[in-house]
Amino acid sequence: MERSGIPVLLGIPFDGQSSYLRGAGDAPPKIREALRCDASNSWSELGVDLGVSGVYEDTGDLELDIPGSRKNGETRGTPASGATAWSTPAAREITEKVFANIEMGVSHLLQRGRRPVSLGGDHSITYPIVKAVARRYPDLTIFHFDAHPDLYDEFEGNRLSHACPFARIMEAGLAKRLVQVGIRTINRHQREQVHKFGVEVVEMRDLPAYSKLKATGPVYITFDMDVLDPAFAPGISHREAGGMSVREAIAHLHAIEGEIVGTDVVEYNPVRDVDGMTATVAAKILKEILGKMIGNSDLCNRKAGTQSSPRRWLRPHRKSGVSSTIGGRGVLGL
């Protein structure tokens, strides 16, 4: 596998496939704001300083000039309109155009040798992202953190719903392995899908699951904020009690073994948040994933003989007064 590149933040402000509430499309700038907030410093718990210039990049938000985040005058935080609206041919065409833009945007980053770190947005965006990533990195292992399996063959007549992305991914053969962690809403149909696709499901009641998070090839992480208990992350559309604590989630992220080639953080809904609590948690999850990607990349590159000099951003873990900074913010328009 080729040497991993610099992680790059890419906002994907799309929530047009949310089945219940709109709002996740507003999340990317809120997560960025929390990430660079001076209330915390720029160090990850694994000892990576994200404040060092060039350690990661931010390409801004993907321009989606197709009206995919609204239907029939909906406003943020309000219930989605009738499910059948997104099962019409016209609506499907709109979504497919949005997905094509997402796939193209992620492919552009991969062609530049970067590793996409996507900020959603609802979970439907993971399907076009993984389509792009799997083309460059075959034999992909996906580690999926979520309260829901998102394995419906179709949800209320809609095969592109945020309840369906992993059915689309697995039926297309985009991943050799799918491991789902924190699941606590699985029903009969989705259990059938688990068996059909050979998905490795670790339900919430069976945690911890550190041994499941080991891979020998490329790894993609998709983190749905509702894997967390709503006591820790109230700003989500589908609150499901009995979830992970932030500490449990971080411990599982730190346990991942393999070369992380991409990731997404999805389903944060700012409209439902309480005093920015969930934005802070999302930024913490993002910080730990970035730290894991950067630290692991350096280790793998040194093992491969492609990196011998010590990195300025990888130091013994200690308190630091350095405030978090983010690279130049542009807009990637397609």
C-alpha atoms as a PDB file:
ATOM      1  CA  MET A   1       0.000   0.000   0.000  1.00  0.00           C
ATOM      2  CA  GLU A   2       1.267   3.496  -0.832  1.00  0.00           C
ATOM      3  CA  ARG A   3       2.517   5.833   1.830  1.00  0.00           C
ATOM      4  CA  SER A   4      -0.274   7.737   3.570  1.00  0.00           C
ATOM      5  CA  GLY A   5      -0.607  11.466   2.976  1.00  0.00           C
ATOM      6  CA  ILE A   6      -1.631  14.440   5.056  1.00  0.00           C
ATOM      7  CA  PRO A   7      -5.153  14.331   6.530  1.00  0.00           C
ATOM      8  CA  VAL A   8      -7.430  17.005   5.042  1.00  0.00           C
ATOM      9  CA  LEU A   9     -10.685  18.247   6.533  1.00  0.00           C
ATOM     10  CA  LEU A  10     -13.580  18.429   4.066  1.00  0.00           C
ATOM     11  CA  GLY A  11     -16.985  19.691   5.168  1.00  0.00           C
ATOM     12  CA  ILE A  12     -19.968  18.031   3.495  1.00  0.00           C
ATOM     13  CA  PRO A  13     -23.020  20.107   4.500  1.00  0.00           C
ATOM     14  CA  PHE A  14     -25.675  17.687   3.298  1.00  0.00           C
ATOM     15  CA  ASP A  15     -28.598  16.359   5.341  1.00  0.00           C
ATOM     16  CA  GLY A  16     -31.062  15.719   2.544  1.00  0.00           C
ATOM     17  CA  GLN A  17     -31.288  12.014   3.355  1.00  0.00           C
ATOM     18  CA  SER A  18     -32.128  12.411   7.042  1.00  0.00           C
ATOM     19  CA  SER A  19     -35.292  10.451   7.742  1.00  0.00           C
ATOM     20  CA  TYR A  20     -36.346  12.346  10.881  1.00  0.00           C
ATOM     21  CA  LEU A  21     -34.828  15.814  11.471  1.00  0.00           C
ATOM     22  CA  ARG A  22     -32.848  18.251   9.362  1.00  0.00           C
ATOM     23  CA  GLY A  23     -29.866  20.110  10.838  1.00  0.00           C
ATOM     24  CA  ALA A  24     -26.774  17.959  10.380  1.00  0.00           C
ATOM     25  CA  GLY A  25     -25.860  19.985   7.301  1.00  0.00           C
ATOM     26  CA  ASP A  26     -24.977  22.883   9.602  1.00  0.00           C
ATOM     27  CA  ALA A  27     -22.417  20.849  11.539  1.00  0.00           C
ATOM     28  CA  PRO A  28     -19.070  21.327   9.717  1.00  0.00           C
ATOM     29  CA  PRO A  29     -18.388  24.965  10.757  1.00  0.00           C
ATOM     30  CA  LYS A  30     -19.536  24.248  14.311  1.00  0.00           C
ATOM     31  CA  ILE A  31     -17.077  21.350  14.625  1.00  0.00           C
ATOM     32  CA  ARG A  32     -14.249  23.474  13.226  1.00  0.00           C
ATOM     33  CA  GLU A  33     -15.054  26.279  15.659  1.00  0.00           C
ATOM     34  CA  ALA A  34     -14.956  23.878  18.599  1.00  0.00           C
ATOM     35  CA  LEU A  35     -11.714  22.282  17.358  1.00  0.00           C
ATOM     36  CA  ARG A  36      -9.868  25.604  17.377  1.00  0.00           C
ATOM     37  CA  CYS A  37     -11.468  26.903  20.575  1.00  0.00           C
ATOM     38  CA  ASP A  38      -8.912  28.214  23.089  1.00  0.00           C
ATOM     39  CA  ALA A  39     -10.720  26.412  25.901  1.00  0.00           C
ATOM     40  CA  SER A  40      -8.478  23.453  25.031  1.00  0.00           C
ATOM     41  CA  ASN A  41      -5.003  23.049  23.591  1.00  0.00           C
ATOM     42  CA  SER A  42      -4.033  21.437  20.309  1.00  0.00           C
ATOM     43  CA  TRP A  43      -2.612  18.160  21.645  1.00  0.00           C
ATOM     44  CA  SER A  44      -4.273  14.787  21.193  1.00  0.00           C
ATOM     45  CA  GLU A  45      -4.145  12.301  24.037  1.00  0.00           C
ATOM     46  CA  LEU A  46      -1.687  10.191  22.053  1.00  0.00           C
ATOM     47  CA  GLY A  47       0.819  13.056  22.107  1.00  0.00           C
ATOM     48  CA  VAL A  48       0.360  14.607  18.672  1.00  0.00           C
ATOM     49  CA  ASP A  49       0.366  18.403  18.461  1.00  0.00           C
ATOM     50  CA  LEU A  50      -2.232  19.428  15.883  1.00  0.00           C
ATOM     51  CA  GLY A  51      -1.143  23.052  16.220  1.00  0.00           C
ATOM     52  CA  VAL A  52       2.021  22.484  14.187  1.00  0.00           C
ATOM     53  CA  SER A  53       1.675  24.089  10.780  1.00  0.00           C
ATOM     54  CA  GLY A  54       1.149  21.598   7.950  1.00  0.00           C
ATOM     55  CA  VAL A  55       0.359  18.594  10.140  1.00  0.00           C
ATOM     56  CA  TYR A  56      -3.094  18.560   8.566  1.00  0.00           C
ATOM     57  CA  GLU A  57      -5.019  20.743   6.142  1.00  0.00           C
ATOM     58  CA  ASP A  58      -8.531  22.130   5.801  1.00  0.00           C
ATOM     59  CA  THR A  59      -9.964  22.546   2.319  1.00  0.00           C
ATOM     60  CA  GLY A  60     -13.241  24.053   3.521  1.00  0.00           C
ATOM     61  CA  ASP A  61     -16.735  22.851   2.660  1.00  0.00           C
ATOM     62  CA  LEU A  62     -17.716  21.051  -0.509  1.00  0.00           C
ATOM     63  CA  GLU A  63     -19.916  23.286  -2.610  1.00  0.00           C
ATOM     64  CA  LEU A  64     -23.228  21.535  -3.187  1.00  0.00           C
ATOM     65  CA  ASP A  65     -25.157  23.882  -5.443  1.00  0.00           C
ATOM     66  CA  ILE A  66     -27.888  21.269  -5.834  1.00  0.00           C
ATOM     67  CA  PRO A  67     -30.802  21.822  -3.408  1.00  0.00           C
ATOM     68  CA  GLY A  68     -30.368  18.517  -1.604  1.00  0.00           C
ATOM     69  CA  SER A  69     -30.620  19.686   1.988  1.00  0.00           C
ATOM     70  CA  ARG A  70     -34.163  21.036   1.894  1.00  0.00           C
ATOM     71  CA  LYS A  71     -37.525  19.776   0.757  1.00  0.00           C
ATOM     72  CA  ASN A  72     -40.783  21.711   0.643  1.00  0.00           C
ATOM     73  CA  GLY A  73     -39.504  24.665   2.653  1.00  0.00           C
ATOM     74  CA  GLU A  74     -38.233  22.643   5.609  1.00  0.00           C
ATOM     75  CA  THR A  75     -36.219  24.419   8.246  1.00  0.00           C
ATOM     76  CA  ARG A  76     -33.389  23.081  10.346  1.00  0.00           C
ATOM     77  CA  GLY A  77     -34.427  20.973  13.296  1.00  0.00           C
ATOM     78  CA  THR A  78     -37.870  20.248  11.921  1.00  0.00           C
ATOM     79  CA  PRO A  79     -39.155  16.814  10.966  1.00  0.00           C
ATOM     80  CA  ALA A  80     -38.291  15.673   7.476  1.00  0.00           C
ATOM     81  CA  SER A  81     -41.167  15.722   5.037  1.00  0.00           C
ATOM     82  CA  GLY A  82     -42.880  12.517   3.913  1.00  0.00           C
ATOM     83  CA  ALA A  83     -40.483   9.653   3.244  1.00  0.00           C
ATOM     84  CA  THR A  84     -41.990   9.054  -0.181  1.00  0.00           C
ATOM     85  CA  ALA A  85     -40.701  12.458  -1.297  1.00  0.00           C
ATOM     86  CA  TRP A  86     -37.202  11.027  -1.617  1.00  0.00           C
ATOM     87  CA  SER A  87     -38.320   7.890  -3.410  1.00  0.00           C
ATOM     88  CA  THR A  88     -39.559   9.779  -6.474  1.00  0.00           C
ATOM     89  CA  PRO A  89     -37.442   9.663  -9.649  1.00  0.00           C
ATOM     90  CA  ALA A  90     -36.807  13.425  -9.546  1.00  0.00           C
ATOM     91  CA  ALA A  91     -35.670  13.374  -5.934  1.00  0.00           C
ATOM     92  CA  ARG A  92     -33.449  10.367  -6.553  1.00  0.00           C
ATOM     93  CA  GLU A  93     -31.817  12.218  -9.439  1.00  0.00           C
ATOM     94  CA  ILE A  94     -31.037  15.169  -7.137  1.00  0.00           C
ATOM     95  CA  THR A  95     -29.472  12.885  -4.537  1.00  0.00           C
ATOM     96  CA  GLU A  96     -27.419  11.041  -7.131  1.00  0.00           C
ATOM     97  CA  LYS A  97     -26.013  14.371  -8.337  1.00  0.00           C
ATOM     98  CA  VAL A  98     -25.109  15.338  -4.772  1.00  0.00           C
ATOM     99  CA  PHE A  99     -23.457  11.957  -4.247  1.00  0.00           C
ATOM    100  CA  ALA A 100     -21.527  12.344  -7.509  1.00  0.00           C
ATOM    101  CA  ASN A 101     -20.226  15.723  -6.280  1.00  0.00           C
ATOM    102  CA  ILE A 102     -19.172  14.164  -2.986  1.00  0.00           C
ATOM    103  CA  GLU A 103     -17.427  11.263  -4.707  1.00  0.00           C
ATOM    104  CA  MET A 104     -15.633  13.662  -7.064  1.00  0.00           C
ATOM    105  CA  GLY A 105     -14.534  15.935  -4.222  1.00  0.00           C
ATOM    106  CA  VAL A 106     -13.097  13.058  -2.197  1.00  0.00           C
ATOM    107  CA  SER A 107     -11.441  11.587  -5.304  1.00  0.00           C
ATOM    108  CA  HIS A 108      -9.781  14.946  -5.919  1.00  0.00           C
ATOM    109  CA  LEU A 109      -8.191  14.851  -2.462  1.00  0.00           C
ATOM    110  CA  LEU A 110      -7.056  11.256  -2.914  1.00  0.00           C
ATOM    111  CA  GLN A 111      -5.475  12.085  -6.269  1.00  0.00           C
ATOM    112  CA  ARG A 112      -3.445  14.774  -4.503  1.00  0.00           C
ATOM    113  CA  GLY A 113      -2.155  12.137  -2.102  1.00  0.00           C
ATOM    114  CA  ARG A 114      -4.273  13.384   0.796  1.00  0.00           C
ATOM    115  CA  ARG A 115      -6.420  11.445   3.269  1.00  0.00           C
ATOM    116  CA  PRO A 116     -10.013  12.746   3.493  1.00  0.00           C
ATOM    117  CA  VAL A 117     -11.433  13.595   6.912  1.00  0.00           C
ATOM    118  CA  SER A 118     -15.050  14.416   6.125  1.00  0.00           C
ATOM    119  CA  LEU A 119     -17.353  16.374   8.414  1.00  0.00           C
ATOM    120  CA  GLY A 120     -21.044  15.693   7.818  1.00  0.00           C
ATOM    121  CA  GLY A 121     -23.759  15.915   7.253  1.00  0.00           C
ATOM    122  CA  ASP A 122     -26.022  12.890   7.590  1.00  0.00           C
ATOM    123  CA  HIS A 123     -24.708   9.332   7.307  1.00  0.00           C
ATOM    124  CA  SER A 124     -25.798   8.884   3.703  1.00  0.00           C
ATOM    125  CA  ILE A 125     -22.620  10.721   2.647  1.00  0.00           C
ATOM    126  CA  THR A 126     -20.461   7.770   3.708  1.00  0.00           C
ATOM    127  CA  TYR A 127     -21.550   5.758   0.655  1.00  0.00           C
ATOM    128  CA  PRO A 128     -20.132   8.129  -2.002  1.00  0.00           C
ATOM    129  CA  ILE A 129     -17.073   8.811   0.161  1.00  0.00           C
ATOM    130  CA  VAL A 130     -16.274   5.107   0.442  1.00  0.00           C
ATOM    131  CA  LYS A 131     -16.849   4.643  -3.294  1.00  0.00           C
ATOM    132  CA  ALA A 132     -13.968   7.050  -3.892  1.00  0.00           C
ATOM    133  CA  VAL A 133     -11.738   5.654  -1.146  1.00  0.00           C
ATOM    134  CA  ALA A 134     -12.236   2.003  -2.137  1.00  0.00           C
ATOM    135  CA  ARG A 135     -11.227   2.767  -5.712  1.00  0.00           C
ATOM    136  CA  ARG A 136      -7.806   3.875  -4.473  1.00  0.00           C
ATOM    137  CA  TYR A 137      -7.540   1.441  -1.562  1.00  0.00           C
ATOM    138  CA  PRO A 138      -8.951  -2.026  -2.339  1.00  0.00           C
ATOM    139  CA  ASP A 139      -9.414  -4.537   0.492  1.00  0.00           C
ATOM    140  CA  LEU A 140     -10.759  -1.808   2.737  1.00  0.00           C
ATOM    141  CA  THR A 141     -11.745  -2.483   6.338  1.00  0.00           C
ATOM    142  CA  ILE A 142     -14.436  -0.179   7.717  1.00  0.00           C
ATOM    143  CA  PHE A 143     -14.741   0.449  11.440  1.00  0.00           C
ATOM    144  CA  HIS A 144     -18.228   1.857  11.968  1.00  0.00           C
ATOM    145  CA  PHE A 145     -19.253   3.478  15.284  1.00  0.00           C
ATOM    146  CA  ASP A 146     -23.023   3.931  15.532  1.00  0.00           C
ATOM    147  CA  ALA A 147     -26.191   3.247  17.507  1.00  0.00           C
ATOM    148  CA  HIS A 148     -27.743   1.970  14.262  1.00  0.00           C
ATOM    149  CA  PRO A 149     -26.471  -0.594  11.724  1.00  0.00           C
ATOM    150  CA  ASP A 150     -27.703   1.513   8.757  1.00  0.00           C
ATOM    151  CA  LEU A 151     -28.088  -1.715   6.776  1.00  0.00           C
ATOM    152  CA  TYR A 152     -31.659  -1.360   5.509  1.00  0.00           C
ATOM    153  CA  ASP A 153     -32.044  -2.532   1.932  1.00  0.00           C
ATOM    154  CA  GLU A 154     -34.443   0.393   1.631  1.00  0.00           C
ATOM    155  CA  PHE A 155     -36.015   2.641   4.220  1.00  0.00           C
ATOM    156  CA  GLU A 156     -39.588   3.748   3.532  1.00  0.00           C
ATOM    157  CA  GLY A 157     -39.055   3.309  -0.195  1.00  0.00           C
ATOM    158  CA  ASN A 158     -35.672   5.023  -0.269  1.00  0.00           C
ATOM    159  CA  ARG A 159     -32.455   3.090  -0.999  1.00  0.00           C
ATOM    160  CA  LEU A 160     -30.237   6.157  -0.516  1.00  0.00           C
ATOM    161  CA  SER A 161     -31.489   7.045   2.970  1.00  0.00           C
ATOM    162  CA  HIS A 162     -29.048   7.582   5.811  1.00  0.00           C
ATOM    163  CA  ALA A 163     -30.477   4.294   7.120  1.00  0.00           C
ATOM    164  CA  CYS A 164     -29.035   2.399   4.110  1.00  0.00           C
ATOM    165  CA  PRO A 165     -25.407   3.377   3.302  1.00  0.00           C
ATOM    166  CA  PHE A 166     -23.774   0.176   4.503  1.00  0.00           C
ATOM    167  CA  ALA A 167     -26.144  -2.007   2.513  1.00  0.00           C
ATOM    168  CA  ARG A 168     -25.066  -0.070  -0.582  1.00  0.00           C
ATOM    169  CA  ILE A 169     -21.380  -0.300   0.372  1.00  0.00           C
ATOM    170  CA  MET A 170     -21.451  -4.044   1.024  1.00  0.00           C
ATOM    171  CA  GLU A 171     -23.541  -5.023  -1.987  1.00  0.00           C
ATOM    172  CA  ALA A 172     -21.106  -3.085  -4.191  1.00  0.00           C
ATOM    173  CA  GLY A 173     -18.149  -4.963  -2.699  1.00  0.00           C
ATOM    174  CA  LEU A 174     -16.467  -1.760  -1.519  1.00  0.00           C
ATOM    175  CA  ALA A 175     -15.197  -3.263   1.738  1.00  0.00           C
ATOM    176  CA  LYS A 176     -13.730  -6.653   2.509  1.00  0.00           C
ATOM    177  CA  ARG A 177     -14.692  -6.222   6.152  1.00  0.00           C
ATOM    178  CA  LEU A 178     -17.261  -4.126   8.032  1.00  0.00           C
ATOM    179  CA  VAL A 179     -17.058  -3.970  11.820  1.00  0.00           C
ATOM    180  CA  GLN A 180     -19.875  -2.129  13.608  1.00  0.00           C
ATOM    181  CA  VAL A 181     -19.386  -1.012  17.204  1.00  0.00           C
ATOM    182  CA  GLY A 182     -21.928   0.297  19.717  1.00  0.00           C
ATOM    183  CA  ILE A 183     -25.043  -0.980  17.932  1.00  0.00           C
ATOM    184  CA  ARG A 184     -28.202  -0.986  20.048  1.00  0.00           C
ATOM    185  CA  THR A 185     -31.179  -0.716  17.666  1.00  0.00           C
ATOM    186  CA  ILE A 186     -30.823  -3.740  15.396  1.00  0.00           C
ATOM    187  CA  ASN A 187     -34.070  -5.331  14.149  1.00  0.00           C
ATOM    188  CA  ARG A 188     -34.911  -8.567  12.332  1.00  0.00           C
ATOM    189  CA  HIS A 189     -34.390  -7.213   8.816  1.00  0.00           C
ATOM    190  CA  GLN A 190     -31.011  -5.746   9.663  1.00  0.00           C
ATOM    191  CA  ARG A 191     -29.921  -8.973  11.364  1.00  0.00           C
ATOM    192  CA  GLU A 192     -30.702 -10.708   8.088  1.00  0.00           C
ATOM    193  CA  GLN A 193     -28.566  -8.120   6.303  1.00  0.00           C
ATOM    194  CA  VAL A 194     -25.739  -8.741   8.789  1.00  0.00           C
ATOM    195  CA  HIS A 195     -25.732 -12.442   7.872  1.00  0.00           C
ATOM    196  CA  LYS A 196     -26.092 -11.713   4.159  1.00  0.00           C
ATOM    197  CA  PHE A 197     -23.043  -9.438   4.054  1.00  0.00           C
ATOM    198  CA  GLY A 198     -20.956 -11.080   6.779  1.00  0.00           C
ATOM    199  CA  VAL A 199     -20.900  -7.937   8.928  1.00  0.00           C
ATOM    200  CA  GLU A 200     -19.143  -8.144  12.301  1.00  0.00           C
ATOM    201  CA  VAL A 201     -21.526  -6.499  14.758  1.00  0.00           C
ATOM    202  CA  VAL A 202     -20.534  -5.656  18.315  1.00  0.00           C
ATOM    203  CA  GLU A 203     -23.649  -4.601  20.160  1.00  0.00           C
ATOM    204  CA  MET A 204     -23.416  -2.069  22.940  1.00  0.00           C
ATOM    205  CA  ARG A 205     -24.083  -4.719  25.583  1.00  0.00           C
ATOM    206  CA  ASP A 206     -20.985  -6.657  24.436  1.00  0.00           C
ATOM    207  CA  LEU A 207     -18.405  -3.886  24.754  1.00  0.00           C
ATOM    208  CA  PRO A 208     -15.464  -3.469  25.038  1.00  0.00           C
ATOM    209  CA  ALA A 209     -14.385  -4.760  21.636  1.00  0.00           C
ATOM    210  CA  TYR A 210     -10.746  -3.720  21.288  1.00  0.00           C
ATOM    211  CA  SER A 211      -9.668  -6.986  19.688  1.00  0.00           C
ATOM    212  CA  LYS A 212     -12.121  -6.452  16.819  1.00  0.00           C
ATOM    213  CA  LEU A 213     -10.430  -3.204  15.815  1.00  0.00           C
ATOM    214  CA  LYS A 214      -7.337  -4.677  14.197  1.00  0.00           C
ATOM    215  CA  ALA A 215      -6.691  -4.726  10.461  1.00  0.00           C
ATOM    216  CA  THR A 216      -3.678  -5.535   8.289  1.00  0.00           C
ATOM    217  CA  GLY A 217      -4.629  -3.309   5.352  1.00  0.00           C
ATOM    218  CA  PRO A 218      -6.239   0.080   4.750  1.00  0.00           C
ATOM    219  CA  VAL A 219      -8.796   1.255   7.304  1.00  0.00           C
ATOM    220  CA  TYR A 220     -11.705   3.677   7.008  1.00  0.00           C
ATOM    221  CA  ILE A 221     -13.362   5.007  10.190  1.00  0.00           C
ATOM    222  CA  THR A 222     -16.927   6.297  10.147  1.00  0.00           C
ATOM    223  CA  PHE A 223     -18.100   7.825  13.419  1.00  0.00           C
ATOM    224  CA  ASP A 224     -21.802   8.563  13.881  1.00  0.00           C
ATOM    225  CA  MET A 225     -22.212  10.855  16.881  1.00  0.00           C
ATOM    226  CA  ASP A 226     -25.277   8.949  18.066  1.00  0.00           C
ATOM    227  CA  VAL A 227     -23.060   6.022  19.063  1.00  0.00           C
ATOM    228  CA  LEU A 228     -22.575   8.164  22.163  1.00  0.00           C
ATOM    229  CA  ASP A 229     -25.163   8.236  24.903  1.00  0.00           C
ATOM    230  CA  PRO A 230     -27.275  11.404  24.525  1.00  0.00           C
ATOM    231  CA  ALA A 231     -26.179  12.405  28.027  1.00  0.00           C
ATOM    232  CA  PHE A 232     -22.795  13.164  26.421  1.00  0.00           C
ATOM    233  CA  ALA A 233     -24.033  14.213  22.963  1.00  0.00           C
ATOM    234  CA  PRO A 234     -27.571  15.654  23.015  1.00  0.00           C
ATOM    235  CA  GLY A 235     -27.081  17.392  19.663  1.00  0.00           C
ATOM    236  CA  ILE A 236     -28.118  14.504  17.448  1.00  0.00           C
ATOM    237  CA  SER A 237     -31.298  13.783  15.524  1.00  0.00           C
ATOM    238  CA  HIS A 238     -31.821  10.207  16.721  1.00  0.00           C
ATOM    239  CA  ARG A 239     -31.197  10.104  20.462  1.00  0.00           C
ATOM    240  CA  GLU A 240     -30.774   6.515  21.631  1.00  0.00           C
ATOM    241  CA  ALA A 241     -30.137   6.001  25.355  1.00  0.00           C
ATOM    242  CA  GLY A 242     -27.660   3.421  26.616  1.00  0.00           C
ATOM    243  CA  GLY A 243     -24.750   4.444  24.411  1.00  0.00           C
ATOM    244  CA  MET A 244     -21.004   4.837  24.784  1.00  0.00           C
ATOM    245  CA  SER A 245     -19.392   7.405  26.997  1.00  0.00           C
ATOM    246  CA  VAL A 246     -16.864   9.722  25.396  1.00  0.00           C
ATOM    247  CA  ARG A 247     -14.106   7.882  27.250  1.00  0.00           C
ATOM    248  CA  GLU A 248     -15.266   4.507  25.922  1.00  0.00           C
ATOM    249  CA  ALA A 249     -15.349   5.876  22.383  1.00  0.00           C
ATOM    250  CA  ILE A 250     -11.857   7.341  22.614  1.00  0.00           C
ATOM    251  CA  ALA A 251     -10.484   4.105  24.080  1.00  0.00           C
ATOM    252  CA  HIS A 252     -11.869   2.168  21.110  1.00  0.00           C
ATOM    253  CA  LEU A 253     -10.516   4.695  18.601  1.00  0.00           C
ATOM    254  CA  HIS A 254      -7.084   4.458  20.196  1.00  0.00           C
ATOM    255  CA  ALA A 255      -7.240   0.647  19.963  1.00  0.00           C
ATOM    256  CA  ILE A 256      -7.550   0.673  16.167  1.00  0.00           C
ATOM    257  CA  GLU A 257      -4.666  -1.007  14.343  1.00  0.00           C
ATOM    258  CA  GLY A 258      -4.149  -0.522  10.629  1.00  0.00           C
ATOM    259  CA  GLU A 259      -3.369   2.282   8.188  1.00  0.00           C
ATOM    260  CA  ILE A 260      -6.191   4.832   8.417  1.00  0.00           C
ATOM    261  CA  VAL A 261      -6.761   6.169   4.901  1.00  0.00           C
ATOM    262  CA  GLY A 262      -9.918   8.169   5.551  1.00  0.00           C
ATOM    263  CA  THR A 263     -12.620   8.944   8.059  1.00  0.00           C
ATOM    264  CA  ASP A 264     -15.843  10.813   8.612  1.00  0.00           C
ATOM    265  CA  VAL A 265     -17.689  12.271  11.605  1.00  0.00           C
ATOM    266  CA  VAL A 266     -21.418  12.515  10.910  1.00  0.00           C
ATOM    267  CA  GLU A 267     -24.905  13.137  12.318  1.00  0.00           C
ATOM    268  CA  TYR A 268     -24.092  15.993  14.688  1.00  0.00           C
ATOM    269  CA  ASN A 269     -27.182  18.233  14.623  1.00  0.00           C
ATOM    270  CA  PRO A 270     -26.399  21.717  16.030  1.00  0.00           C
ATOM    271  CA  VAL A 271     -30.096  22.610  16.260  1.00  0.00           C
ATOM    272  CA  ARG A 272     -30.539  19.966  18.954  1.00  0.00           C
ATOM    273  CA  ASP A 273     -27.355  20.837  20.845  1.00  0.00           C
ATOM    274  CA  VAL A 274     -27.177  22.186  24.393  1.00  0.00           C
ATOM    275  CA  ASP A 275     -24.721  25.085  24.866  1.00  0.00           C
ATOM    276  CA  GLY A 276     -22.375  23.656  22.233  1.00  0.00           C
ATOM    277  CA  MET A 277     -21.760  20.508  24.276  1.00  0.00           C
ATOM    278  CA  THR A 278     -21.985  18.126  21.320  1.00  0.00           C
ATOM    279  CA  ALA A 279     -19.808  20.363  19.135  1.00  0.00           C
ATOM    280  CA  THR A 280     -17.112  20.131  21.803  1.00  0.00           C
ATOM    281  CA  VAL A 281     -17.455  16.351  21.925  1.00  0.00           C
ATOM    282  CA  ALA A 282     -17.379  16.072  18.110  1.00  0.00           C
ATOM    283  CA  ALA A 283     -14.214  18.186  18.050  1.00  0.00           C
ATOM    284  CA  LYS A 284     -12.640  15.952  20.697  1.00  0.00           C
ATOM    285  CA  ILE A 285     -13.453  12.843  18.654  1.00  0.00           C
ATOM    286  CA  LEU A 286     -12.027  14.541  15.562  1.00  0.00           C
ATOM    287  CA  LYS A 287      -8.869  15.547  17.431  1.00  0.00           C
ATOM    288  CA  GLU A 288      -8.261  11.981  18.612  1.00  0.00           C
ATOM    289  CA  ILE A 289      -8.880  10.526  15.143  1.00  0.00           C
ATOM    290  CA  LEU A 290      -6.482  13.053  13.582  1.00  0.00           C
ATOM    291  CA  GLY A 291      -3.888  12.280  16.234  1.00  0.00           C
ATOM    292  CA  LYS A 292      -4.276   8.573  15.554  1.00  0.00           C
ATOM    293  CA  MET A 293      -3.963   9.076  11.791  1.00  0.00           C
ATOM    294  CA  ILE A 294      -0.878  11.267  12.054  1.00  0.00           C
ATOM    295  CA  GLY A 295       0.895   9.181  14.704  1.00  0.00           C
ATOM    296  CA  ASN A 296       0.135   5.877  12.962  1.00  0.00           C
ATOM    297  CA  SER A 297       1.235   7.256   9.606  1.00  0.00           C
ATOM    298  CA  ASP A 298       4.611   8.268  10.999  1.00  0.00           C
ATOM    299  CA  LEU A 299       5.101   4.827  12.557  1.00  0.00           C
ATOM    300  CA  CYS A 300       4.115   2.984   9.371  1.00  0.00           C
ATOM    301  CA  ASN A 301       6.280   5.198   7.193  1.00  0.00           C
ATOM    302  CA  ARG A 302       9.309   4.676   9.423  1.00  0.00           C
ATOM    303  CA  LYS A 303       8.757   0.916   9.352  1.00  0.00           C
ATOM    304  CA  ALA A 304       8.632   1.106   5.553  1.00  0.00           C
ATOM    305  CA  GLY A 305      11.838   3.140   5.489  1.00  0.00           C
ATOM    306  CA  THR A 306      10.188   6.226   3.993  1.00  0.00           C
ATOM    307  CA  GLN A 307      10.491   8.479   7.052  1.00  0.00           C
ATOM    308  CA  SER A 308      13.534   8.600   9.271  1.00  0.00           C
ATOM    309  CA  SER A 309      13.640  12.083  10.791  1.00  0.00           C
ATOM    310  CA  PRO A 310      11.681  12.807  13.981  1.00  0.00           C
ATOM    311  CA  ARG A 311       8.495  14.807  13.614  1.00  0.00           C
ATOM    312  CA  ARG A 312       8.127  18.130  15.451  1.00  0.00           C
ATOM    313  CA  TRP A 313       4.519  17.337  16.240  1.00  0.00           C
ATOM    314  CA  LEU A 314       5.138  13.995  17.950  1.00  0.00           C
ATOM    315  CA  ARG A 315       6.476  14.632  21.437  1.00  0.00           C
ATOM    316  CA  PRO A 316       6.206  13.125  24.905  1.00  0.00           C
ATOM    317  CA  HIS A 317       2.679  13.693  26.148  1.00  0.00           C
ATOM    318  CA  ARG A 318       2.431  16.667  28.482  1.00  0.00           C
ATOM    319  CA  LYS A 319       0.302  19.717  29.103  1.00  0.00           C
ATOM    320  CA  SER A 320       0.780  22.532  26.630  1.00  0.00           C
ATOM    321  CA  GLY A 321      -0.459  26.077  26.357  1.00  0.00           C
ATOM    322  CA  VAL A 322      -0.443  25.984  22.571  1.00  0.00           C
ATOM    323  CA  SER A 323      -3.824  26.950  21.191  1.00  0.00           C
ATOM    324  CA  SER A 324      -5.384  24.961  18.397  1.00  0.00           C
ATOM    325  CA  THR A 325      -4.979  26.260  14.855  1.00  0.00           C
ATOM    326  CA  ILE A 326      -6.457  25.169  11.597  1.00  0.00           C
ATOM    327  CA  GLY A 327      -4.860  25.362   8.188  1.00  0.00           C
ATOM    328  CA  GLY A 328      -6.031  27.749   5.499  1.00  0.00           C
ATOM    329  CA  ARG A 329      -9.709  27.415   4.785  1.00  0.00           C
ATOM    330  CA  GLY A 330     -10.776  27.459   1.177  1.00  0.00           C
ATOM    331  CA  VAL A 331     -13.803  26.216  -0.672  1.00  0.00           C
ATOM    332  CA  LEU A 332     -13.647  23.199  -2.900  1.00  0.00           C
ATOM    333  CA  GLY A 333     -16.190  23.860  -5.615  1.00  0.00           C
ATOM    334  CA  LEU A 334     -17.088  21.218  -8.188  1.00  0.00           C
END
